[in-house]
C-alpha atoms as a PDB file:
ATOM      1  CA  MET A   1       0.000   0.000   0.000  1.00  0.00           C
ATOM      2  CA  GLN A   2       1.421   3.359  -1.050  1.00  0.00           C
ATOM      3  CA  ASP A   3       1.891   6.110   1.553  1.00  0.00           C
ATOM      4  CA  GLU A   4      -0.413   8.959   0.473  1.00  0.00           C
ATOM      5  CA  ARG A   5       0.818  11.475   3.031  1.00  0.00           C
ATOM      6  CA  THR A   6       2.518  14.671   1.931  1.00  0.00           C
ATOM      7  CA  PRO A   7       6.273  14.950   2.552  1.00  0.00           C
ATOM      8  CA  HIS A   8       5.501  17.187   5.546  1.00  0.00           C
ATOM      9  CA  GLU A   9       3.097  14.615   6.953  1.00  0.00           C
ATOM     10  CA  ALA A  10       5.559  11.801   6.368  1.00  0.00           C
ATOM     11  CA  ALA A  11       8.294  13.628   8.299  1.00  0.00           C
ATOM     12  CA  SER A  12       8.897  12.736  11.890  1.00  0.00           C
ATOM     13  CA  GLY A  13       6.368  14.131  14.323  1.00  0.00           C
ATOM     14  CA  SER A  14       8.667  16.836  15.677  1.00  0.00           C
ATOM     15  CA  ALA A  15       9.890  17.858  12.223  1.00  0.00           C
ATOM     16  CA  HIS A  16       6.298  18.093  11.016  1.00  0.00           C
ATOM     17  CA  ALA A  17       5.361  20.156  14.073  1.00  0.00           C
ATOM     18  CA  LEU A  18       8.296  22.518  13.448  1.00  0.00           C
ATOM     19  CA  VAL A  19       7.421  22.983   9.788  1.00  0.00           C
ATOM     20  CA  THR A  20       3.810  23.620  10.758  1.00  0.00           C
ATOM     21  CA  ALA A  21       4.921  26.198  13.342  1.00  0.00           C
ATOM     22  CA  VAL A  22       7.137  27.960  10.777  1.00  0.00           C
ATOM     23  CA  ASP A  23       4.245  27.979   8.302  1.00  0.00           C
ATOM     24  CA  ALA A  24       1.985  29.514  10.967  1.00  0.00           C
ATOM     25  CA  VAL A  25       4.542  32.253  11.685  1.00  0.00           C
ATOM     26  CA  GLU A  26       4.833  32.996   7.972  1.00  0.00           C
ATOM     27  CA  ASP A  27       1.037  33.168   7.628  1.00  0.00           C
ATOM     28  CA  ALA A  28       0.767  35.502  10.647  1.00  0.00           C
ATOM     29  CA  GLU A  29       3.521  37.746   9.250  1.00  0.00           C
ATOM     30  CA  LYS A  30       1.767  37.942   5.873  1.00  0.00           C
ATOM     31  CA  ALA A  31      -1.508  38.869   7.616  1.00  0.00           C
ATOM     32  CA  LEU A  32       0.280  41.631   9.555  1.00  0.00           C
ATOM     33  CA  ASP A  33       1.937  42.836   6.342  1.00  0.00           C
ATOM     34  CA  GLN A  34      -1.474  43.014   4.659  1.00  0.00           C
ATOM     35  CA  ARG A  35      -2.882  45.149   7.485  1.00  0.00           C
ATOM     36  CA  VAL A  36       0.140  47.467   7.362  1.00  0.00           C
ATOM     37  CA  ARG A  37      -0.066  47.801   3.551  1.00  0.00           C
ATOM     38  CA  VAL A  38      -3.715  48.808   3.802  1.00  0.00           C
ATOM     39  CA  VAL A  39      -2.973  51.424   6.476  1.00  0.00           C
ATOM     40  CA  LEU A  40      -0.043  52.838   4.479  1.00  0.00           C
ATOM     41  CA  GLY A  41      -1.941  52.628   1.183  1.00  0.00           C
ATOM     42  CA  VAL A  42       0.832  50.869  -0.744  1.00  0.00           C
ATOM     43  CA  ASN A  43       1.019  47.803  -2.955  1.00  0.00           C
ATOM     44  CA  ASN A  44       3.010  44.614  -2.214  1.00  0.00           C
ATOM     45  CA  THR A  45       6.161  45.704  -4.016  1.00  0.00           C
ATOM     46  CA  ASP A  46       6.239  49.173  -2.506  1.00  0.00           C
ATOM     47  CA  PHE A  47       5.682  47.704   0.949  1.00  0.00           C
ATOM     48  CA  ALA A  48       8.532  45.223   0.461  1.00  0.00           C
ATOM     49  CA  VAL A  49      10.810  48.156  -0.427  1.00  0.00           C
ATOM     50  CA  LEU A  50       9.641  50.086   2.649  1.00  0.00           C
ATOM     51  CA  GLN A  51      10.386  47.045   4.820  1.00  0.00           C
ATOM     52  CA  TYR A  52      13.821  46.731   3.242  1.00  0.00           C
ATOM     53  CA  LEU A  53      14.636  50.410   3.788  1.00  0.00           C
ATOM     54  CA  ASP A  54      13.354  50.230   7.358  1.00  0.00           C
ATOM     55  CA  ARG A  55      15.535  47.195   8.088  1.00  0.00           C
ATOM     56  CA  VAL A  56      18.606  48.797   6.488  1.00  0.00           C
ATOM     57  CA  GLN A  57      18.094  52.034   8.433  1.00  0.00           C
ATOM     58  CA  ARG A  58      17.518  50.263  11.765  1.00  0.00           C
ATOM     59  CA  ARG A  59      20.875  48.520  11.209  1.00  0.00           C
ATOM     60  CA  GLY A  60      22.598  51.830  10.554  1.00  0.00           C
ATOM     61  CA  GLY A  61      22.968  51.409   6.808  1.00  0.00           C
ATOM     62  CA  SER A  62      21.659  53.147   3.739  1.00  0.00           C
ATOM     63  CA  ALA A  63      20.438  52.116   0.301  1.00  0.00           C
ATOM     64  CA  ARG A  64      20.457  53.491  -3.228  1.00  0.00           C
ATOM     65  CA  VAL A  65      18.079  52.880  -6.109  1.00  0.00           C
ATOM     66  CA  GLY A  66      20.572  50.355  -7.502  1.00  0.00           C
ATOM     67  CA  ASP A  67      20.451  48.428  -4.228  1.00  0.00           C
ATOM     68  CA  ILE A  68      16.675  48.155  -4.554  1.00  0.00           C
ATOM     69  CA  ALA A  69      17.004  46.958  -8.152  1.00  0.00           C
ATOM     70  CA  ALA A  70      19.499  44.278  -7.111  1.00  0.00           C
ATOM     71  CA  ARG A  71      17.593  43.225  -3.990  1.00  0.00           C
ATOM     72  CA  PHE A  72      14.247  42.837  -5.748  1.00  0.00           C
ATOM     73  CA  GLY A  73      15.491  41.634  -9.124  1.00  0.00           C
ATOM     74  CA  VAL A  74      14.064  44.540 -11.099  1.00  0.00           C
ATOM     75  CA  SER A  75      15.594  46.926 -13.604  1.00  0.00           C
ATOM     76  CA  SER A  76      16.987  50.242 -12.435  1.00  0.00           C
ATOM     77  CA  GLY A  77      14.084  51.898 -14.263  1.00  0.00           C
ATOM     78  CA  SER A  78      11.546  49.843 -12.328  1.00  0.00           C
ATOM     79  CA  ALA A  79      13.347  50.571  -9.060  1.00  0.00           C
ATOM     80  CA  THR A  80      13.249  54.276  -9.915  1.00  0.00           C
ATOM     81  CA  GLU A  81       9.484  54.042 -10.534  1.00  0.00           C
ATOM     82  CA  ILE A  82       9.000  52.404  -7.132  1.00  0.00           C
ATOM     83  CA  VAL A  83      11.050  55.143  -5.465  1.00  0.00           C
ATOM     84  CA  HIS A  84       9.035  57.827  -7.304  1.00  0.00           C
ATOM     85  CA  ARG A  85       5.770  56.314  -6.024  1.00  0.00           C
ATOM     86  CA  LEU A  86       7.084  56.136  -2.465  1.00  0.00           C
ATOM     87  CA  THR A  87       8.516  59.651  -2.686  1.00  0.00           C
ATOM     88  CA  GLY A  88       5.228  60.953  -4.050  1.00  0.00           C
ATOM     89  CA  ALA A  89       3.403  59.282  -1.164  1.00  0.00           C
ATOM     90  CA  GLY A  90       5.693  61.053   1.301  1.00  0.00           C
ATOM     91  CA  LEU A  91       7.179  57.785   2.569  1.00  0.00           C
ATOM     92  CA  VAL A  92      10.709  57.954   1.140  1.00  0.00           C
ATOM     93  CA  HIS A  93      13.095  60.777   0.363  1.00  0.00           C
ATOM     94  CA  ARG A  94      16.525  61.060  -1.190  1.00  0.00           C
ATOM     95  CA  VAL A  95      19.382  62.274   0.962  1.00  0.00           C
ATOM     96  CA  PRO A  96      22.874  63.265  -0.127  1.00  0.00           C
ATOM     97  CA  HIS A  97      25.755  60.935   0.567  1.00  0.00           C
ATOM     98  CA  PRO A  98      27.989  62.452   3.269  1.00  0.00           C
ATOM     99  CA  SER A  99      31.189  62.121   1.248  1.00  0.00           C
ATOM    100  CA  ASP A 100      30.084  61.922  -2.401  1.00  0.00           C
ATOM    101  CA  ALA A 101      27.779  64.681  -3.647  1.00  0.00           C
ATOM    102  CA  ARG A 102      26.992  62.651  -6.793  1.00  0.00           C
ATOM    103  CA  VAL A 103      25.354  59.853  -4.785  1.00  0.00           C
ATOM    104  CA  ARG A 104      21.839  60.039  -3.359  1.00  0.00           C
ATOM    105  CA  ARG A 105      20.763  57.587  -0.699  1.00  0.00           C
ATOM    106  CA  LEU A 106      17.201  56.628   0.103  1.00  0.00           C
ATOM    107  CA  ALA A 107      15.648  56.974   3.514  1.00  0.00           C
ATOM    108  CA  LEU A 108      12.241  56.636   5.046  1.00  0.00           C
ATOM    109  CA  THR A 109      10.715  59.992   5.839  1.00  0.00           C
ATOM    110  CA  ALA A 110      10.038  60.832   9.463  1.00  0.00           C
ATOM    111  CA  THR A 111       6.351  60.381   8.671  1.00  0.00           C
ATOM    112  CA  ALA A 112       6.915  56.881   7.290  1.00  0.00           C
ATOM    113  CA  SER A 113       9.073  55.897  10.275  1.00  0.00           C
ATOM    114  CA  GLU A 114       6.481  57.227  12.711  1.00  0.00           C
ATOM    115  CA  ARG A 115       3.621  55.481  10.902  1.00  0.00           C
ATOM    116  CA  LEU A 116       5.499  52.177  10.785  1.00  0.00           C
ATOM    117  CA  GLU A 117       6.402  52.473  14.457  1.00  0.00           C
ATOM    118  CA  GLY A 118       2.803  53.271  15.319  1.00  0.00           C
ATOM    119  CA  ILE A 119       1.562  50.220  13.448  1.00  0.00           C
ATOM    120  CA  VAL A 120       4.227  47.617  14.240  1.00  0.00           C
ATOM    121  CA  GLY A 121       6.059  49.123  17.216  1.00  0.00           C
ATOM    122  CA  GLY A 122       4.005  47.064  19.652  1.00  0.00           C
ATOM    123  CA  VAL A 123       4.697  43.896  17.688  1.00  0.00           C
ATOM    124  CA  ARG A 124       8.439  44.646  17.711  1.00  0.00           C
ATOM    125  CA  ALA A 125       8.343  45.313  21.470  1.00  0.00           C
ATOM    126  CA  ASP A 126       6.455  42.057  22.088  1.00  0.00           C
ATOM    127  CA  LEU A 127       8.952  40.126  19.954  1.00  0.00           C
ATOM    128  CA  ASP A 128      11.889  41.748  21.759  1.00  0.00           C
ATOM    129  CA  ALA A 129      10.399  40.778  25.130  1.00  0.00           C
ATOM    130  CA  LEU A 130       9.794  37.211  23.966  1.00  0.00           C
ATOM    131  CA  LEU A 131      13.280  36.838  22.528  1.00  0.00           C
ATOM    132  CA  GLU A 132      14.887  38.332  25.643  1.00  0.00           C
ATOM    133  CA  SER A 133      13.322  35.489  27.642  1.00  0.00           C
ATOM    134  CA  ILE A 134      15.274  32.813  25.754  1.00  0.00           C
ATOM    135  CA  PRO A 135      18.180  31.397  27.785  1.00  0.00           C
ATOM    136  CA  PRO A 136      21.586  31.999  26.119  1.00  0.00           C
ATOM    137  CA  VAL A 137      22.185  28.316  25.266  1.00  0.00           C
ATOM    138  CA  GLU A 138      18.786  28.028  23.585  1.00  0.00           C
ATOM    139  CA  GLU A 139      19.337  31.364  21.852  1.00  0.00           C
ATOM    140  CA  ALA A 140      22.632  30.167  20.388  1.00  0.00           C
ATOM    141  CA  ARG A 141      20.990  26.962  19.141  1.00  0.00           C
ATOM    142  CA  LEU A 142      18.038  28.858  17.658  1.00  0.00           C
ATOM    143  CA  ILE A 143      20.363  31.303  15.886  1.00  0.00           C
ATOM    144  CA  GLU A 144      22.331  28.397  14.440  1.00  0.00           C
ATOM    145  CA  LEU A 145      19.177  26.620  13.266  1.00  0.00           C
ATOM    146  CA  LEU A 146      17.887  29.796  11.600  1.00  0.00           C
ATOM    147  CA  ARG A 147      21.290  30.324   9.959  1.00  0.00           C
ATOM    148  CA  GLN A 148      21.110  26.801   8.560  1.00  0.00           C
ATOM    149  CA  VAL A 149      17.542  27.324   7.334  1.00  0.00           C
ATOM    150  CA  GLY A 150      18.746  30.479   5.578  1.00  0.00           C
ATOM    151  CA  GLU A 151      21.562  28.481   3.949  1.00  0.00           C
ATOM    152  CA  ILE A 152      19.086  25.845   2.763  1.00  0.00           C
ATOM    153  CA  PHE A 153      16.915  28.557   1.198  1.00  0.00           C
ATOM    154  CA  ARG A 154      19.923  30.255  -0.427  1.00  0.00           C
ATOM    155  CA  SER A 155      21.382  27.048  -1.844  1.00  0.00           C
ATOM    156  CA  GLY A 156      18.139  25.307  -2.758  1.00  0.00           C
ATOM    157  CA  SER A 157      17.347  24.612  -6.368  1.00  0.00           C
ATOM    158  CA  VAL A 158      14.104  25.539  -8.029  1.00  0.00           C
ATOM    159  CA  ALA A 159      12.660  22.828 -10.247  1.00  0.00           C
ATOM    160  CA  GLY A 160      11.299  24.017 -13.504  1.00  0.00           C
END
């Protein structure tokens, strides 16, 4: 008799439970993203760029239009169109590079940062509190597992 279970179902109980938990987190994140997009009045692509810029800024970095093109796999013209939409919506602005006047970096406007913080600030605070409760040994193991998952995603092949 042939096993008709999906690969996830056929996995060991704990592996299946972990995959299910990861799927649930992904679904919850997508639902939050949808609510934020509606509040900000942006489409999926523009929101992904806003998230990227927010992440880069919170880590102390900066991005250029070319970085957006490379990150999202679009042409520089398409990246420029995205930036124009976000600039027109008052969510992104161009700032001069501190040492090269020819280069313009992109940044979230104060309004965009405040709106994002107002919408997801509580979620970030709750996540920080949850993650702070993880004992150091478990934290190290979790970080390593997530690093390995990232490697699997980066090195995985796409059938087609």
